[in-house]
N, C-alpha and C. Protein backbone atom coordinates (compact mmCIF):
# COMPACT_ATOMS: atom_id res chain seq x y z
N MET A 1 96.29 79.70 62.73
CA MET A 1 97.16 80.03 63.87
C MET A 1 98.73 80.96 62.64
N LEU A 2 99.18 81.38 62.60
CA LEU A 2 100.23 81.98 62.19
C LEU A 2 101.83 81.31 62.71
N VAL A 3 102.22 80.82 61.91
CA VAL A 3 103.65 79.71 62.05
C VAL A 3 104.75 80.99 61.87
N LEU A 4 106.02 81.84 62.58
CA LEU A 4 107.05 82.12 62.15
C LEU A 4 108.15 81.77 62.32
N THR A 5 109.13 81.54 61.85
CA THR A 5 110.92 81.37 62.24
C THR A 5 111.60 82.32 62.64
N ARG A 6 112.39 82.83 63.71
CA ARG A 6 113.25 83.54 63.99
C ARG A 6 114.32 83.44 64.90
N ARG A 7 115.49 83.69 64.77
CA ARG A 7 116.23 83.63 65.16
C ARG A 7 116.34 84.50 66.63
N VAL A 8 117.65 83.86 67.56
CA VAL A 8 117.52 84.58 68.62
C VAL A 8 118.16 85.96 67.99
N GLY A 9 117.30 87.08 69.00
CA GLY A 9 117.59 87.87 69.04
C GLY A 9 116.59 88.87 68.15
N GLU A 10 115.66 88.01 67.17
CA GLU A 10 114.66 89.04 66.78
C GLU A 10 113.29 89.06 67.19
N THR A 11 112.88 89.96 66.89
CA THR A 11 111.42 90.30 67.71
C THR A 11 110.81 90.14 66.98
N ILE A 12 109.62 89.61 67.28
CA ILE A 12 107.75 90.15 66.81
C ILE A 12 107.43 90.96 67.42
N ARG A 13 106.32 91.84 67.05
CA ARG A 13 105.17 92.80 67.37
C ARG A 13 103.56 92.50 67.31
N ILE A 14 103.32 93.03 68.13
CA ILE A 14 102.12 92.74 68.26
C ILE A 14 101.25 93.80 68.20
N GLY A 15 100.49 93.86 67.65
CA GLY A 15 99.68 95.50 67.69
C GLY A 15 100.76 96.57 68.00
N ASP A 16 100.32 97.58 68.58
CA ASP A 16 101.05 98.75 68.67
C ASP A 16 102.32 98.65 69.70
N ASP A 17 102.04 97.30 70.70
CA ASP A 17 102.75 97.53 71.72
C ASP A 17 103.37 96.36 73.15
N ILE A 18 103.25 95.41 72.26
CA ILE A 18 103.37 93.83 72.39
C ILE A 18 104.73 93.18 71.73
N PHE A 19 105.65 92.89 72.29
CA PHE A 19 106.99 92.60 71.49
C PHE A 19 107.76 91.30 71.96
N VAL A 20 107.53 90.32 71.13
CA VAL A 20 108.07 89.12 71.59
C VAL A 20 109.18 88.75 70.87
N THR A 21 110.16 88.35 71.48
CA THR A 21 111.58 88.49 71.10
C THR A 21 112.32 87.10 71.88
N VAL A 22 113.16 86.56 70.30
CA VAL A 22 113.63 85.08 71.20
C VAL A 22 114.58 85.54 71.74
N LEU A 23 114.82 84.59 72.58
CA LEU A 23 116.11 85.25 73.84
C LEU A 23 117.22 83.86 73.90
N GLU A 24 116.71 83.14 73.29
CA GLU A 24 117.45 81.74 73.33
C GLU A 24 117.06 80.42 72.87
N SER A 25 117.85 79.79 71.95
CA SER A 25 117.40 78.72 71.59
C SER A 25 118.47 77.96 71.97
N ASN A 26 117.71 76.14 72.25
CA ASN A 26 118.73 74.86 72.42
C ASN A 26 118.22 73.93 71.21
N SER A 27 118.91 72.90 71.72
CA SER A 27 119.02 71.60 71.02
C SER A 27 117.95 70.68 71.43
N ALA A 28 117.30 71.12 72.47
CA ALA A 28 116.09 70.34 72.90
C ALA A 28 114.69 70.95 71.88
N ASN A 29 114.36 71.28 71.07
CA ASN A 29 113.58 72.70 70.87
C ASN A 29 112.51 72.71 71.33
N SER A 30 113.36 73.75 72.87
CA SER A 30 113.10 74.96 73.02
C SER A 30 113.28 75.77 72.82
N ALA A 31 112.30 77.17 73.50
CA ALA A 31 113.39 78.53 73.17
C ALA A 31 112.88 78.92 74.46
N ARG A 32 113.52 80.18 74.98
CA ARG A 32 113.52 81.10 75.94
C ARG A 32 113.29 82.60 75.16
N ILE A 33 111.63 83.01 75.54
CA ILE A 33 111.04 84.23 74.94
C ILE A 33 111.64 85.33 75.73
N GLY A 34 111.01 86.70 75.16
CA GLY A 34 110.51 87.55 76.35
C GLY A 34 109.56 88.33 75.87
N ILE A 35 109.02 88.82 76.73
CA ILE A 35 107.36 88.86 76.13
C ILE A 35 107.46 90.70 76.54
N LYS A 36 107.53 91.91 76.34
CA LYS A 36 107.44 93.13 76.36
C LYS A 36 105.92 93.30 76.19
N ALA A 37 105.29 93.78 77.38
CA ALA A 37 103.95 94.19 77.17
C ALA A 37 103.49 95.28 77.91
N PRO A 38 102.23 96.36 77.75
CA PRO A 38 101.92 96.88 79.22
C PRO A 38 101.55 96.42 80.19
N ARG A 39 101.53 96.80 80.80
CA ARG A 39 101.63 96.09 82.84
C ARG A 39 100.02 95.63 82.12
N ASP A 40 98.78 95.89 81.96
CA ASP A 40 97.30 95.79 82.01
C ASP A 40 97.05 94.91 80.85
N VAL A 41 98.40 94.42 80.35
CA VAL A 41 98.18 93.04 79.95
C VAL A 41 98.28 91.78 80.44
N GLU A 42 97.55 90.65 80.45
CA GLU A 42 97.75 89.46 81.13
C GLU A 42 98.69 88.79 80.12
N ILE A 43 99.42 87.75 81.26
CA ILE A 43 100.10 87.02 80.17
C ILE A 43 99.70 86.32 80.55
N LEU A 44 99.64 84.52 80.50
CA LEU A 44 99.79 83.10 81.78
C LEU A 44 99.83 81.94 80.70
N ARG A 45 101.22 81.53 81.12
CA ARG A 45 101.33 80.47 80.27
C ARG A 45 99.86 79.19 80.43
N THR A 46 99.57 78.42 79.48
CA THR A 46 98.19 77.84 78.84
C THR A 46 97.89 76.59 79.95
N GLU A 47 99.17 75.93 80.21
CA GLU A 47 99.00 75.08 81.42
C GLU A 47 98.43 75.26 82.39
N LEU A 48 99.16 76.78 83.70
CA LEU A 48 98.49 77.56 84.62
C LEU A 48 97.15 78.23 84.11
N ASP A 49 96.82 78.61 83.35
CA ASP A 49 95.39 78.88 83.22
C ASP A 49 94.77 77.89 82.95
N ASP A 50 95.15 77.01 82.13
CA ASP A 50 93.51 75.67 82.33
C ASP A 50 93.41 75.43 83.33
N ARG A 51 95.07 75.30 84.13
CA ARG A 51 94.99 74.29 85.67
C ARG A 51 93.66 75.07 86.39
N ALA A 52 93.80 76.75 86.62
CA ALA A 52 93.06 77.67 87.24
C ALA A 52 92.19 77.39 86.73
N ARG A 53 91.73 77.43 85.72
CA ARG A 53 90.36 77.38 85.46
C ARG A 53 89.25 75.75 85.70
N GLU A 54 90.48 74.83 86.28
CA GLU A 54 89.64 73.57 86.12
C GLU A 54 89.72 73.25 87.90
N GLN A 55 90.38 74.48 88.13
CA GLN A 55 90.02 74.27 90.39
C GLN A 55 88.93 75.26 90.33
N ALA A 56 88.60 76.15 89.40
CA ALA A 56 87.97 76.69 90.00
C ALA A 56 86.06 76.22 89.83
N ARG A 57 86.67 75.53 88.26
CA ARG A 57 85.20 74.80 87.88
C ARG A 57 84.88 73.72 88.71
N VAL A 58 86.06 73.02 89.62
CA VAL A 58 86.23 72.07 91.09
C VAL A 58 84.95 72.65 91.72
N ALA A 59 85.63 74.25 92.23
CA ALA A 59 85.26 74.68 93.76
C ALA A 59 83.72 74.65 93.27
N ASP A 60 83.15 74.99 91.90
CA ASP A 60 81.60 75.51 91.65
C ASP A 60 80.79 74.48 92.33
């Protein structure tokens, strides 16, 4: 895992067309980020993806 430190307003580029920007940071050790990516790139929060996979597994 690559770990980077960024300030509000700074952006990380992934490949040629995915950009992750730090929008806001607060004292509760959390940050709001914005992701700019092509529409065909699926972006999911891992806890939602994990839940969907578990529900699909139980349904089988």
